């Protein structure tokens, strides 16, 4: 899977069987991709275990541990792995992520 960090515009709608409210279409590099099926869906939270508050509680002051002061440690990103295509011959599997903190969508991976 190729990794990306590209902003995309997403239109949600009913997709698949059974029908789920999911990304129905997305605009990436000027092309409109139509979602044919939802392959997987999951939610990830921020790395709360790396916060200074957690390090203080467990007594770890390891300077190699990244500092996340000021970040939303409980922030969630919702991921959708979808099969999508531009036409009958052009298709692929894409990982789309929705960031609940800022309300933006990103394309984070692609197998085509």
PDB file of N, CA and C in Angstrom:
ATOM      1  N   UNK A   1       0.845  -1.173   0.000  1.00  0.00           N
ATOM      2  CA  UNK A   1       0.000   0.000   0.000  1.00  0.00           C
ATOM      3  C   UNK A   1       0.893   1.239   0.000  1.00  0.00           C
ATOM      4  N   UNK A   2       0.625   2.143  -0.915  1.00  0.00           N
ATOM      5  CA  UNK A   2       1.332   3.414  -0.941  1.00  0.00           C
ATOM      6  C   UNK A   2       0.713   4.346   0.093  1.00  0.00           C
ATOM      7  N   UNK A   3       1.551   5.081   0.810  1.00  0.00           N
ATOM      8  CA  UNK A   3       1.094   6.013   1.836  1.00  0.00           C
ATOM      9  C   UNK A   3       0.993   7.424   1.262  1.00  0.00           C
ATOM     10  N   UNK A   4      -0.045   8.127   1.681  1.00  0.00           N
ATOM     11  CA  UNK A   4      -0.281   9.505   1.264  1.00  0.00           C
ATOM     12  C   UNK A   4      -0.666  10.325   2.486  1.00  0.00           C
ATOM     13  N   UNK A   5      -0.666  11.623   2.297  1.00  0.00           N
ATOM     14  CA  UNK A   5      -1.161  12.558   3.296  1.00  0.00           C
ATOM     15  C   UNK A   5      -1.827  13.697   2.531  1.00  0.00           C
ATOM     16  N   UNK A   6      -2.769  13.319   1.646  1.00  0.00           N
ATOM     17  CA  UNK A   6      -3.395  14.265   0.732  1.00  0.00           C
ATOM     18  C   UNK A   6      -4.796  14.644   1.197  1.00  0.00           C
ATOM     19  N   UNK A   7      -5.092  15.942   1.251  1.00  0.00           N
ATOM     20  CA  UNK A   7      -6.472  16.337   1.558  1.00  0.00           C
ATOM     21  C   UNK A   7      -7.398  15.927   0.423  1.00  0.00           C
ATOM     22  N   UNK A   8      -8.603  15.497   0.774  1.00  0.00           N
ATOM     23  CA  UNK A   8      -9.620  15.133  -0.212  1.00  0.00           C
ATOM     24  C   UNK A   8     -10.959  15.710   0.230  1.00  0.00           C
ATOM     25  N   UNK A   9     -11.829  15.917  -0.752  1.00  0.00           N
ATOM     26  CA  UNK A   9     -13.210  16.290  -0.461  1.00  0.00           C
ATOM     27  C   UNK A   9     -14.044  15.026  -0.526  1.00  0.00           C
ATOM     28  N   UNK A  10     -14.889  14.819   0.485  1.00  0.00           N
ATOM     29  CA  UNK A  10     -15.675  13.584   0.576  1.00  0.00           C
ATOM     30  C   UNK A  10     -17.151  13.924   0.688  1.00  0.00           C
ATOM     31  N   UNK A  11     -17.959  13.183  -0.058  1.00  0.00           N
ATOM     32  CA  UNK A  11     -19.415  13.237   0.068  1.00  0.00           C
ATOM     33  C   UNK A  11     -19.858  11.914   0.674  1.00  0.00           C
ATOM     34  N   UNK A  12     -20.580  11.995   1.779  1.00  0.00           N
ATOM     35  CA  UNK A  12     -21.065  10.782   2.441  1.00  0.00           C
ATOM     36  C   UNK A  12     -22.438  10.410   1.903  1.00  0.00           C
ATOM     37  N   UNK A  13     -22.754   9.124   1.972  1.00  0.00           N
ATOM     38  CA  UNK A  13     -24.046   8.621   1.536  1.00  0.00           C
ATOM     39  C   UNK A  13     -24.170   7.164   1.954  1.00  0.00           C
ATOM     40  N   UNK A  14     -25.168   6.484   1.449  1.00  0.00           N
ATOM     41  CA  UNK A  14     -25.389   5.078   1.785  1.00  0.00           C
ATOM     42  C   UNK A  14     -24.618   4.208   0.793  1.00  0.00           C
ATOM     43  N   UNK A  15     -23.762   3.315   1.341  1.00  0.00           N
ATOM     44  CA  UNK A  15     -22.866   2.503   0.517  1.00  0.00           C
ATOM     45  C   UNK A  15     -22.919   1.056   0.979  1.00  0.00           C
ATOM     46  N   UNK A  16     -22.859   0.128   0.026  1.00  0.00           N
ATOM     47  CA  UNK A  16     -22.693  -1.293   0.316  1.00  0.00           C
ATOM     48  C   UNK A  16     -23.953  -2.000   0.760  1.00  0.00           C
ATOM     49  N   UNK A  17     -23.768  -3.285   1.076  1.00  0.00           N
ATOM     50  CA  UNK A  17     -24.843  -4.156   1.577  1.00  0.00           C
ATOM     51  C   UNK A  17     -24.363  -4.833   2.848  1.00  0.00           C
ATOM     52  N   UNK A  18     -24.941  -4.655   3.988  1.00  0.00           N
ATOM     53  CA  UNK A  18     -26.050  -3.735   4.233  1.00  0.00           C
ATOM     54  C   UNK A  18     -25.581  -2.297   4.107  1.00  0.00           C
ATOM     55  N   UNK A  19     -26.492  -1.425   3.749  1.00  0.00           N
ATOM     56  CA  UNK A  19     -26.147  -0.028   3.499  1.00  0.00           C
ATOM     57  C   UNK A  19     -25.650   0.654   4.770  1.00  0.00           C
ATOM     58  N   UNK A  20     -24.487   1.301   4.656  1.00  0.00           N
ATOM     59  CA  UNK A  20     -23.891   2.065   5.751  1.00  0.00           C
ATOM     60  C   UNK A  20     -23.736   3.506   5.311  1.00  0.00           C
ATOM     61  N   UNK A  21     -23.868   4.437   6.252  1.00  0.00           N
ATOM     62  CA  UNK A  21     -23.515   5.812   5.922  1.00  0.00           C
ATOM     63  C   UNK A  21     -21.997   5.882   5.944  1.00  0.00           C
ATOM     64  N   UNK A  22     -21.427   6.142   4.784  1.00  0.00           N
ATOM     65  CA  UNK A  22     -19.981   6.063   4.602  1.00  0.00           C
ATOM     66  C   UNK A  22     -19.584   7.019   3.479  1.00  0.00           C
ATOM     67  N   UNK A  23     -18.282   7.175   3.242  1.00  0.00           N
ATOM     68  CA  UNK A  23     -17.883   7.948   2.065  1.00  0.00           C
ATOM     69  C   UNK A  23     -18.484   7.333   0.802  1.00  0.00           C
ATOM     70  N   UNK A  24     -19.174   8.146   0.040  1.00  0.00           N
ATOM     71  CA  UNK A  24     -19.824   7.675  -1.186  1.00  0.00           C
ATOM     72  C   UNK A  24     -19.025   8.080  -2.424  1.00  0.00           C
ATOM     73  N   UNK A  25     -18.383   9.256  -2.349  1.00  0.00           N
ATOM     74  CA  UNK A  25     -17.551   9.777  -3.433  1.00  0.00           C
ATOM     75  C   UNK A  25     -16.447  10.607  -2.802  1.00  0.00           C
ATOM     76  N   UNK A  26     -15.308  10.700  -3.497  1.00  0.00           N
ATOM     77  CA  UNK A  26     -14.275  11.622  -3.043  1.00  0.00           C
ATOM     78  C   UNK A  26     -13.539  12.201  -4.236  1.00  0.00           C
ATOM     79  N   UNK A  27     -13.095  13.429  -4.071  1.00  0.00           N
ATOM     80  CA  UNK A  27     -12.380  14.163  -5.102  1.00  0.00           C
ATOM     81  C   UNK A  27     -10.904  14.172  -4.725  1.00  0.00           C
ATOM     82  N   UNK A  28     -10.081  13.566  -5.599  1.00  0.00           N
ATOM     83  CA  UNK A  28      -8.651  13.465  -5.349  1.00  0.00           C
ATOM     84  C   UNK A  28      -7.901  13.771  -6.638  1.00  0.00           C
ATOM     85  N   UNK A  29      -7.017  14.720  -6.598  1.00  0.00           N
ATOM     86  CA  UNK A  29      -6.236  15.153  -7.766  1.00  0.00           C
ATOM     87  C   UNK A  29      -7.131  15.495  -8.957  1.00  0.00           C
ATOM     88  N   UNK A  30      -8.250  16.154  -8.674  1.00  0.00           N
ATOM     89  CA  UNK A  30      -9.142  16.600  -9.741  1.00  0.00           C
ATOM     90  C   UNK A  30     -10.007  15.514 -10.351  1.00  0.00           C
ATOM     91  N   UNK A  31      -9.977  14.313  -9.787  1.00  0.00           N
ATOM     92  CA  UNK A  31     -10.799  13.205 -10.310  1.00  0.00           C
ATOM     93  C   UNK A  31     -11.821  12.794  -9.263  1.00  0.00           C
ATOM     94  N   UNK A  32     -13.037  12.529  -9.714  1.00  0.00           N
ATOM     95  CA  UNK A  32     -14.102  12.102  -8.817  1.00  0.00           C
ATOM     96  C   UNK A  32     -14.138  10.578  -8.766  1.00  0.00           C
ATOM     97  N   UNK A  33     -13.880  10.038  -7.587  1.00  0.00           N
ATOM     98  CA  UNK A  33     -13.878   8.592  -7.375  1.00  0.00           C
ATOM     99  C   UNK A  33     -15.192   8.182  -6.725  1.00  0.00           C
ATOM    100  N   UNK A  34     -15.862   7.164  -7.279  1.00  0.00           N
ATOM    101  CA  UNK A  34     -17.125   6.657  -6.734  1.00  0.00           C
ATOM    102  C   UNK A  34     -16.840   5.397  -5.923  1.00  0.00           C
ATOM    103  N   UNK A  35     -17.300   5.403  -4.675  1.00  0.00           N
ATOM    104  CA  UNK A  35     -17.089   4.260  -3.788  1.00  0.00           C
ATOM    105  C   UNK A  35     -18.046   3.144  -4.179  1.00  0.00           C
ATOM    106  N   UNK A  36     -17.472   1.960  -4.406  1.00  0.00           N
ATOM    107  CA  UNK A  36     -18.271   0.790  -4.778  1.00  0.00           C
ATOM    108  C   UNK A  36     -18.591  -0.085  -3.580  1.00  0.00           C
ATOM    109  N   UNK A  37     -17.657  -0.102  -2.604  1.00  0.00           N
ATOM    110  CA  UNK A  37     -17.871  -0.958  -1.433  1.00  0.00           C
ATOM    111  C   UNK A  37     -17.000  -0.471  -0.282  1.00  0.00           C
ATOM    112  N   UNK A  38     -17.468  -0.712   0.933  1.00  0.00           N
ATOM    113  CA  UNK A  38     -16.685  -0.448   2.142  1.00  0.00           C
ATOM    114  C   UNK A  38     -16.010  -1.754   2.528  1.00  0.00           C
ATOM    115  N   UNK A  39     -14.685  -1.752   2.569  1.00  0.00           N
ATOM    116  CA  UNK A  39     -13.911  -2.945   2.912  1.00  0.00           C
ATOM    117  C   UNK A  39     -13.722  -3.052   4.417  1.00  0.00           C
ATOM    118  N   UNK A  40     -13.444  -1.916   5.082  1.00  0.00           N
ATOM    119  CA  UNK A  40     -13.241  -1.904   6.536  1.00  0.00           C
ATOM    120  C   UNK A  40     -13.511  -0.508   7.077  1.00  0.00           C
ATOM    121  N   UNK A  41     -13.769  -0.440   8.376  1.00  0.00           N
ATOM    122  CA  UNK A  41     -14.025   0.825   9.064  1.00  0.00           C
ATOM    123  C   UNK A  41     -13.516   0.693  10.487  1.00  0.00           C
ATOM    124  N   UNK A  42     -12.715   1.678  10.954  1.00  0.00           N
ATOM    125  CA  UNK A  42     -12.213   1.644  12.328  1.00  0.00           C
ATOM    126  C   UNK A  42     -11.928   3.056  12.810  1.00  0.00           C
ATOM    127  N   UNK A  43     -11.705   3.192  14.121  1.00  0.00           N
ATOM    128  CA  UNK A  43     -11.416   4.479  14.753  1.00  0.00           C
ATOM    129  C   UNK A  43     -10.116   4.341  15.528  1.00  0.00           C
ATOM    130  N   UNK A  44      -9.247   5.361  15.409  1.00  0.00           N
ATOM    131  CA  UNK A  44      -7.997   5.396  16.163  1.00  0.00           C
ATOM    132  C   UNK A  44      -7.974   6.650  17.022  1.00  0.00           C
ATOM    133  N   UNK A  45      -7.404   6.528  18.235  1.00  0.00           N
ATOM    134  CA  UNK A  45      -7.249   7.674  19.118  1.00  0.00           C
ATOM    135  C   UNK A  45      -5.797   8.126  19.106  1.00  0.00           C
ATOM    136  N   UNK A  46      -5.557   9.300  19.651  1.00  0.00           N
ATOM    137  CA  UNK A  46      -4.197   9.829  19.743  1.00  0.00           C
ATOM    138  C   UNK A  46      -3.353   9.018  20.719  1.00  0.00           C
ATOM    139  N   UNK A  47      -2.019   9.168  20.671  1.00  0.00           N
ATOM    140  CA  UNK A  47      -1.117   8.397  21.539  1.00  0.00           C
ATOM    141  C   UNK A  47      -1.088   8.951  22.968  1.00  0.00           C
ATOM    142  N   UNK A  48      -2.165   8.755  23.715  1.00  0.00           N
ATOM    143  CA  UNK A  48      -2.287   9.302  25.065  1.00  0.00           C
ATOM    144  C   UNK A  48      -1.179   8.824  25.989  1.00  0.00           C
ATOM    145  N   UNK A  49      -0.625   7.634  25.728  1.00  0.00           N
ATOM    146  CA  UNK A  49       0.395   7.053  26.596  1.00  0.00           C
ATOM    147  C   UNK A  49       1.725   7.815  26.537  1.00  0.00           C
ATOM    148  N   UNK A  50       1.871   8.740  25.570  1.00  0.00           N
ATOM    149  CA  UNK A  50       3.099   9.518  25.444  1.00  0.00           C
ATOM    150  C   UNK A  50       2.979  10.901  26.079  1.00  0.00           C
ATOM    151  N   UNK A  51       1.862  11.213  26.725  1.00  0.00           N
ATOM    152  CA  UNK A  51       1.665  12.549  27.285  1.00  0.00           C
ATOM    153  C   UNK A  51       2.515  12.760  28.534  1.00  0.00           C
ATOM    154  N   UNK A  52       2.809  14.030  28.816  1.00  0.00           N
ATOM    155  CA  UNK A  52       3.590  14.347  30.012  1.00  0.00           C
ATOM    156  C   UNK A  52       2.833  13.952  31.272  1.00  0.00           C
ATOM    157  N   UNK A  53       1.495  14.033  31.260  1.00  0.00           N
ATOM    158  CA  UNK A  53       0.703  13.632  32.424  1.00  0.00           C
ATOM    159  C   UNK A  53       0.860  12.160  32.744  1.00  0.00           C
ATOM    160  N   UNK A  54       0.847  11.316  31.730  1.00  0.00           N
ATOM    161  CA  UNK A  54       1.022   9.877  31.947  1.00  0.00           C
ATOM    162  C   UNK A  54       2.440   9.588  32.410  1.00  0.00           C
ATOM    163  N   UNK A  55       3.431  10.253  31.813  1.00  0.00           N
ATOM    164  CA  UNK A  55       4.822  10.043  32.229  1.00  0.00           C
ATOM    165  C   UNK A  55       5.021  10.455  33.680  1.00  0.00           C
ATOM    166  N   UNK A  56       4.335  11.527  34.126  1.00  0.00           N
ATOM    167  CA  UNK A  56       4.454  11.965  35.521  1.00  0.00           C
ATOM    168  C   UNK A  56       3.870  10.922  36.464  1.00  0.00           C
ATOM    169  N   UNK A  57       2.766  10.314  36.082  1.00  0.00           N
ATOM    170  CA  UNK A  57       2.120   9.310  36.938  1.00  0.00           C
ATOM    171  C   UNK A  57       2.980   8.060  37.072  1.00  0.00           C
ATOM    172  N   UNK A  58       3.601   7.622  35.992  1.00  0.00           N
ATOM    173  CA  UNK A  58       4.401   6.390  36.062  1.00  0.00           C
ATOM    174  C   UNK A  58       5.857   6.659  36.423  1.00  0.00           C
ATOM    175  N   UNK A  59       6.217   7.957  36.541  1.00  0.00           N
ATOM    176  CA  UNK A  59       7.569   8.300  36.961  1.00  0.00           C
ATOM    177  C   UNK A  59       8.615   8.179  35.880  1.00  0.00           C
ATOM    178  N   UNK A  60       8.236   8.351  34.644  1.00  0.00           N
ATOM    179  CA  UNK A  60       9.172   8.257  33.541  1.00  0.00           C
ATOM    180  C   UNK A  60       9.453   9.646  32.991  1.00  0.00           C
ATOM    181  N   UNK A  61      10.707  10.070  33.029  1.00  0.00           N
ATOM    182  CA  UNK A  61      11.103  11.343  32.437  1.00  0.00           C
ATOM    183  C   UNK A  61      12.079  11.107  31.301  1.00  0.00           C
ATOM    184  N   UNK A  62      11.856  10.062  30.531  1.00  0.00           N
ATOM    185  CA  UNK A  62      12.728   9.704  29.417  1.00  0.00           C
ATOM    186  C   UNK A  62      12.694  10.806  28.364  1.00  0.00           C
ATOM    187  N   UNK A  63      13.824  11.513  28.124  1.00  0.00           N
ATOM    188  CA  UNK A  63      13.818  12.606  27.141  1.00  0.00           C
ATOM    189  C   UNK A  63      13.627  12.147  25.703  1.00  0.00           C
ATOM    190  N   UNK A  64      13.773  10.865  25.420  1.00  0.00           N
ATOM    191  CA  UNK A  64      13.571  10.388  24.045  1.00  0.00           C
ATOM    192  C   UNK A  64      12.093  10.235  23.707  1.00  0.00           C
ATOM    193  N   UNK A  65      11.222  10.283  24.732  1.00  0.00           N
ATOM    194  CA  UNK A  65       9.792  10.176  24.494  1.00  0.00           C
ATOM    195  C   UNK A  65       9.271  11.514  23.991  1.00  0.00           C
ATOM    196  N   UNK A  66       8.570  11.535  22.847  1.00  0.00           N
ATOM    197  CA  UNK A  66       8.099  12.809  22.298  1.00  0.00           C
ATOM    198  C   UNK A  66       7.110  13.499  23.237  1.00  0.00           C
ATOM    199  N   UNK A  67       7.174  14.806  23.275  1.00  0.00           N
ATOM    200  CA  UNK A  67       6.270  15.628  24.086  1.00  0.00           C
ATOM    201  C   UNK A  67       5.035  15.974  23.273  1.00  0.00           C
ATOM    202  N   UNK A  68       3.866  15.761  23.844  1.00  0.00           N
ATOM    203  CA  UNK A  68       2.625  16.032  23.129  1.00  0.00           C
ATOM    204  C   UNK A  68       1.799  17.095  23.843  1.00  0.00           C
ATOM    205  N   UNK A  69       2.438  17.991  24.554  1.00  0.00           N
ATOM    206  CA  UNK A  69       1.734  19.040  25.280  1.00  0.00           C
ATOM    207  C   UNK A  69       0.885  19.862  24.304  1.00  0.00           C
ATOM    208  N   UNK A  70      -0.359  20.125  24.677  1.00  0.00           N
ATOM    209  CA  UNK A  70      -1.216  20.956  23.844  1.00  0.00           C
ATOM    210  C   UNK A  70      -1.967  20.200  22.756  1.00  0.00           C
ATOM    211  N   UNK A  71      -1.769  18.892  22.657  1.00  0.00           N
ATOM    212  CA  UNK A  71      -2.509  18.137  21.644  1.00  0.00           C
ATOM    213  C   UNK A  71      -3.731  17.500  22.276  1.00  0.00           C
ATOM    214  N   UNK A  72      -4.688  17.155  21.456  1.00  0.00           N
ATOM    215  CA  UNK A  72      -5.894  16.488  21.930  1.00  0.00           C
ATOM    216  C   UNK A  72      -5.622  14.995  21.984  1.00  0.00           C
ATOM    217  N   UNK A  73      -5.266  14.508  23.167  1.00  0.00           N
ATOM    218  CA  UNK A  73      -4.870  13.115  23.303  1.00  0.00           C
ATOM    219  C   UNK A  73      -6.035  12.148  23.131  1.00  0.00           C
ATOM    220  N   UNK A  74      -7.234  12.650  23.287  1.00  0.00           N
ATOM    221  CA  UNK A  74      -8.396  11.786  23.091  1.00  0.00           C
ATOM    222  C   UNK A  74      -9.020  12.011  21.722  1.00  0.00           C
ATOM    223  N   UNK A  75      -8.360  12.788  20.890  1.00  0.00           N
ATOM    224  CA  UNK A  75      -8.857  13.046  19.537  1.00  0.00           C
ATOM    225  C   UNK A  75      -8.936  11.754  18.745  1.00  0.00           C
ATOM    226  N   UNK A  76      -9.954  11.659  17.950  1.00  0.00           N
ATOM    227  CA  UNK A  76     -10.153  10.438  17.170  1.00  0.00           C
ATOM    228  C   UNK A  76     -10.070  10.741  15.681  1.00  0.00           C
ATOM    229  N   UNK A  77      -9.558   9.750  14.962  1.00  0.00           N
ATOM    230  CA  UNK A  77      -9.614   9.758  13.501  1.00  0.00           C
ATOM    231  C   UNK A  77     -10.376   8.513  13.094  1.00  0.00           C
ATOM    232  N   UNK A  78     -11.335   8.721  12.225  1.00  0.00           N
ATOM    233  CA  UNK A  78     -12.172   7.635  11.724  1.00  0.00           C
ATOM    234  C   UNK A  78     -11.633   7.226  10.356  1.00  0.00           C
ATOM    235  N   UNK A  79     -11.354   5.933  10.183  1.00  0.00           N
ATOM    236  CA  UNK A  79     -10.769   5.428   8.944  1.00  0.00           C
ATOM    237  C   UNK A  79     -11.783   4.587   8.189  1.00  0.00           C
ATOM    238  N   UNK A  80     -11.773   4.759   6.876  1.00  0.00           N
ATOM    239  CA  UNK A  80     -12.618   3.983   5.975  1.00  0.00           C
ATOM    240  C   UNK A  80     -11.724   3.415   4.886  1.00  0.00           C
ATOM    241  N   UNK A  81     -11.679   2.100   4.762  1.00  0.00           N
ATOM    242  CA  UNK A  81     -11.011   1.445   3.624  1.00  0.00           C
ATOM    243  C   UNK A  81     -12.110   1.130   2.623  1.00  0.00           C
ATOM    244  N   UNK A  82     -11.998   1.726   1.441  1.00  0.00           N
ATOM    245  CA  UNK A  82     -13.060   1.605   0.442  1.00  0.00           C
ATOM    246  C   UNK A  82     -12.492   1.155  -0.888  1.00  0.00           C
ATOM    247  N   UNK A  83     -13.323   0.453  -1.641  1.00  0.00           N
ATOM    248  CA  UNK A  83     -13.013   0.151  -3.033  1.00  0.00           C
ATOM    249  C   UNK A  83     -13.725   1.213  -3.857  1.00  0.00           C
ATOM    250  N   UNK A  84     -12.965   1.895  -4.726  1.00  0.00           N
ATOM    251  CA  UNK A  84     -13.545   2.992  -5.497  1.00  0.00           C
ATOM    252  C   UNK A  84     -12.960   2.999  -6.899  1.00  0.00           C
ATOM    253  N   UNK A  85     -13.693   3.633  -7.803  1.00  0.00           N
ATOM    254  CA  UNK A  85     -13.224   3.725  -9.175  1.00  0.00           C
ATOM    255  C   UNK A  85     -13.678   4.998  -9.849  1.00  0.00           C
ATOM    256  N   UNK A  86     -12.953   5.354 -10.905  1.00  0.00           N
ATOM    257  CA  UNK A  86     -13.307   6.505 -11.728  1.00  0.00           C
ATOM    258  C   UNK A  86     -14.223   6.065 -12.861  1.00  0.00           C
ATOM    259  N   UNK A  87     -13.992   4.898 -13.382  1.00  0.00           N
ATOM    260  CA  UNK A  87     -14.793   4.321 -14.449  1.00  0.00           C
ATOM    261  C   UNK A  87     -14.761   2.810 -14.306  1.00  0.00           C
ATOM    262  N   UNK A  88     -15.275   2.081 -15.277  1.00  0.00           N
ATOM    263  CA  UNK A  88     -15.315   0.625 -15.157  1.00  0.00           C
ATOM    264  C   UNK A  88     -13.937  -0.023 -15.144  1.00  0.00           C
ATOM    265  N   UNK A  89     -12.937   0.602 -15.760  1.00  0.00           N
ATOM    266  CA  UNK A  89     -11.617  -0.023 -15.851  1.00  0.00           C
ATOM    267  C   UNK A  89     -10.633   0.484 -14.802  1.00  0.00           C
ATOM    268  N   UNK A  90     -10.933   1.585 -14.148  1.00  0.00           N
ATOM    269  CA  UNK A  90      -9.997   2.195 -13.201  1.00  0.00           C
ATOM    270  C   UNK A  90     -10.545   2.080 -11.786  1.00  0.00           C
ATOM    271  N   UNK A  91      -9.882   1.256 -10.957  1.00  0.00           N
ATOM    272  CA  UNK A  91     -10.347   1.121  -9.585  1.00  0.00           C
ATOM    273  C   UNK A  91      -9.171   0.832  -8.665  1.00  0.00           C
ATOM    274  N   UNK A  92      -9.433   0.932  -7.367  1.00  0.00           N
ATOM    275  CA  UNK A  92      -8.409   0.662  -6.372  1.00  0.00           C
ATOM    276  C   UNK A  92      -9.031   0.612  -4.992  1.00  0.00           C
ATOM    277  N   UNK A  93      -8.188   0.337  -4.003  1.00  0.00           N
ATOM    278  CA  UNK A  93      -8.612   0.324  -2.607  1.00  0.00           C
ATOM    279  C   UNK A  93      -7.918   1.507  -1.937  1.00  0.00           C
ATOM    280  N   UNK A  94      -8.694   2.327  -1.236  1.00  0.00           N
ATOM    281  CA  UNK A  94      -8.208   3.572  -0.657  1.00  0.00           C
ATOM    282  C   UNK A  94      -8.515   3.618   0.832  1.00  0.00           C
ATOM    283  N   UNK A  95      -7.595   4.188   1.590  1.00  0.00           N
ATOM    284  CA  UNK A  95      -7.829   4.466   3.008  1.00  0.00           C
ATOM    285  C   UNK A  95      -8.087   5.953   3.153  1.00  0.00           C
ATOM    286  N   UNK A  96      -9.291   6.294   3.618  1.00  0.00           N
ATOM    287  CA  UNK A  96      -9.685   7.672   3.859  1.00  0.00           C
ATOM    288  C   UNK A  96      -9.792   7.873   5.365  1.00  0.00           C
ATOM    289  N   UNK A  97      -9.315   9.014   5.859  1.00  0.00           N
ATOM    290  CA  UNK A  97      -9.355   9.298   7.294  1.00  0.00           C
ATOM    291  C   UNK A  97     -10.087  10.613   7.529  1.00  0.00           C
ATOM    292  N   UNK A  98     -10.995  10.599   8.504  1.00  0.00           N
ATOM    293  CA  UNK A  98     -11.706  11.805   8.917  1.00  0.00           C
ATOM    294  C   UNK A  98     -11.215  12.178  10.300  1.00  0.00           C
ATOM    295  N   UNK A  99     -10.697  13.397  10.448  1.00  0.00           N
ATOM    296  CA  UNK A  99     -10.177  13.888  11.721  1.00  0.00           C
ATOM    297  C   UNK A  99     -11.292  14.645  12.443  1.00  0.00           C
ATOM    298  N   UNK A 100     -11.747  14.109  13.566  1.00  0.00           N
ATOM    299  CA  UNK A 100     -12.848  14.723  14.304  1.00  0.00           C
ATOM    300  C   UNK A 100     -12.437  16.066  14.907  1.00  0.00           C
ATOM    301  N   UNK A 101     -11.147  16.286  15.155  1.00  0.00           N
ATOM    302  CA  UNK A 101     -10.688  17.538  15.766  1.00  0.00           C
ATOM    303  C   UNK A 101     -10.835  18.719  14.815  1.00  0.00           C
ATOM    304  N   UNK A 102     -10.515  18.523  13.536  1.00  0.00           N
ATOM    305  CA  UNK A 102     -10.584  19.655  12.605  1.00  0.00           C
ATOM    306  C   UNK A 102     -11.621  19.483  11.501  1.00  0.00           C
ATOM    307  N   UNK A 103     -12.290  18.335  11.437  1.00  0.00           N
ATOM    308  CA  UNK A 103     -13.351  18.123  10.451  1.00  0.00           C
ATOM    309  C   UNK A 103     -12.868  17.921   9.032  1.00  0.00           C
ATOM    310  N   UNK A 104     -11.587  17.552   8.865  1.00  0.00           N
ATOM    311  CA  UNK A 104     -11.023  17.379   7.526  1.00  0.00           C
ATOM    312  C   UNK A 104     -10.835  15.907   7.166  1.00  0.00           C
ATOM    313  N   UNK A 105     -10.929  15.630   5.858  1.00  0.00           N
ATOM    314  CA  UNK A 105     -10.683  14.308   5.301  1.00  0.00           C
ATOM    315  C   UNK A 105      -9.306  14.281   4.658  1.00  0.00           C
ATOM    316  N   UNK A 106      -8.648  13.112   4.729  1.00  0.00           N
ATOM    317  CA  UNK A 106      -7.379  12.892   4.052  1.00  0.00           C
ATOM    318  C   UNK A 106      -7.362  11.515   3.437  1.00  0.00           C
ATOM    319  N   UNK A 107      -6.701  11.415   2.290  1.00  0.00           N
ATOM    320  CA  UNK A 107      -6.380  10.109   1.715  1.00  0.00           C
ATOM    321  C   UNK A 107      -5.028   9.713   2.324  1.00  0.00           C
ATOM    322  N   UNK A 108      -4.999   8.571   3.008  1.00  0.00           N
ATOM    323  CA  UNK A 108      -3.769   8.173   3.707  1.00  0.00           C
ATOM    324  C   UNK A 108      -3.112   6.946   3.097  1.00  0.00           C
ATOM    325  N   UNK A 109      -3.808   6.231   2.211  1.00  0.00           N
ATOM    326  CA  UNK A 109      -3.223   5.063   1.580  1.00  0.00           C
ATOM    327  C   UNK A 109      -3.998   4.645   0.351  1.00  0.00           C
ATOM    328  N   UNK A 110      -3.295   3.899  -0.545  1.00  0.00           N
ATOM    329  CA  UNK A 110      -3.930   3.487  -1.794  1.00  0.00           C
ATOM    330  C   UNK A 110      -3.248   2.236  -2.330  1.00  0.00           C
ATOM    331  N   UNK A 111      -4.068   1.272  -2.784  1.00  0.00           N
ATOM    332  CA  UNK A 111      -3.607   0.123  -3.541  1.00  0.00           C
ATOM    333  C   UNK A 111      -4.408   0.142  -4.835  1.00  0.00           C
ATOM    334  N   UNK A 112      -3.736   0.355  -5.952  1.00  0.00           N
ATOM    335  CA  UNK A 112      -4.476   0.388  -7.223  1.00  0.00           C
ATOM    336  C   UNK A 112      -3.816  -0.476  -8.267  1.00  0.00           C
TER     337      UNK A 112
END
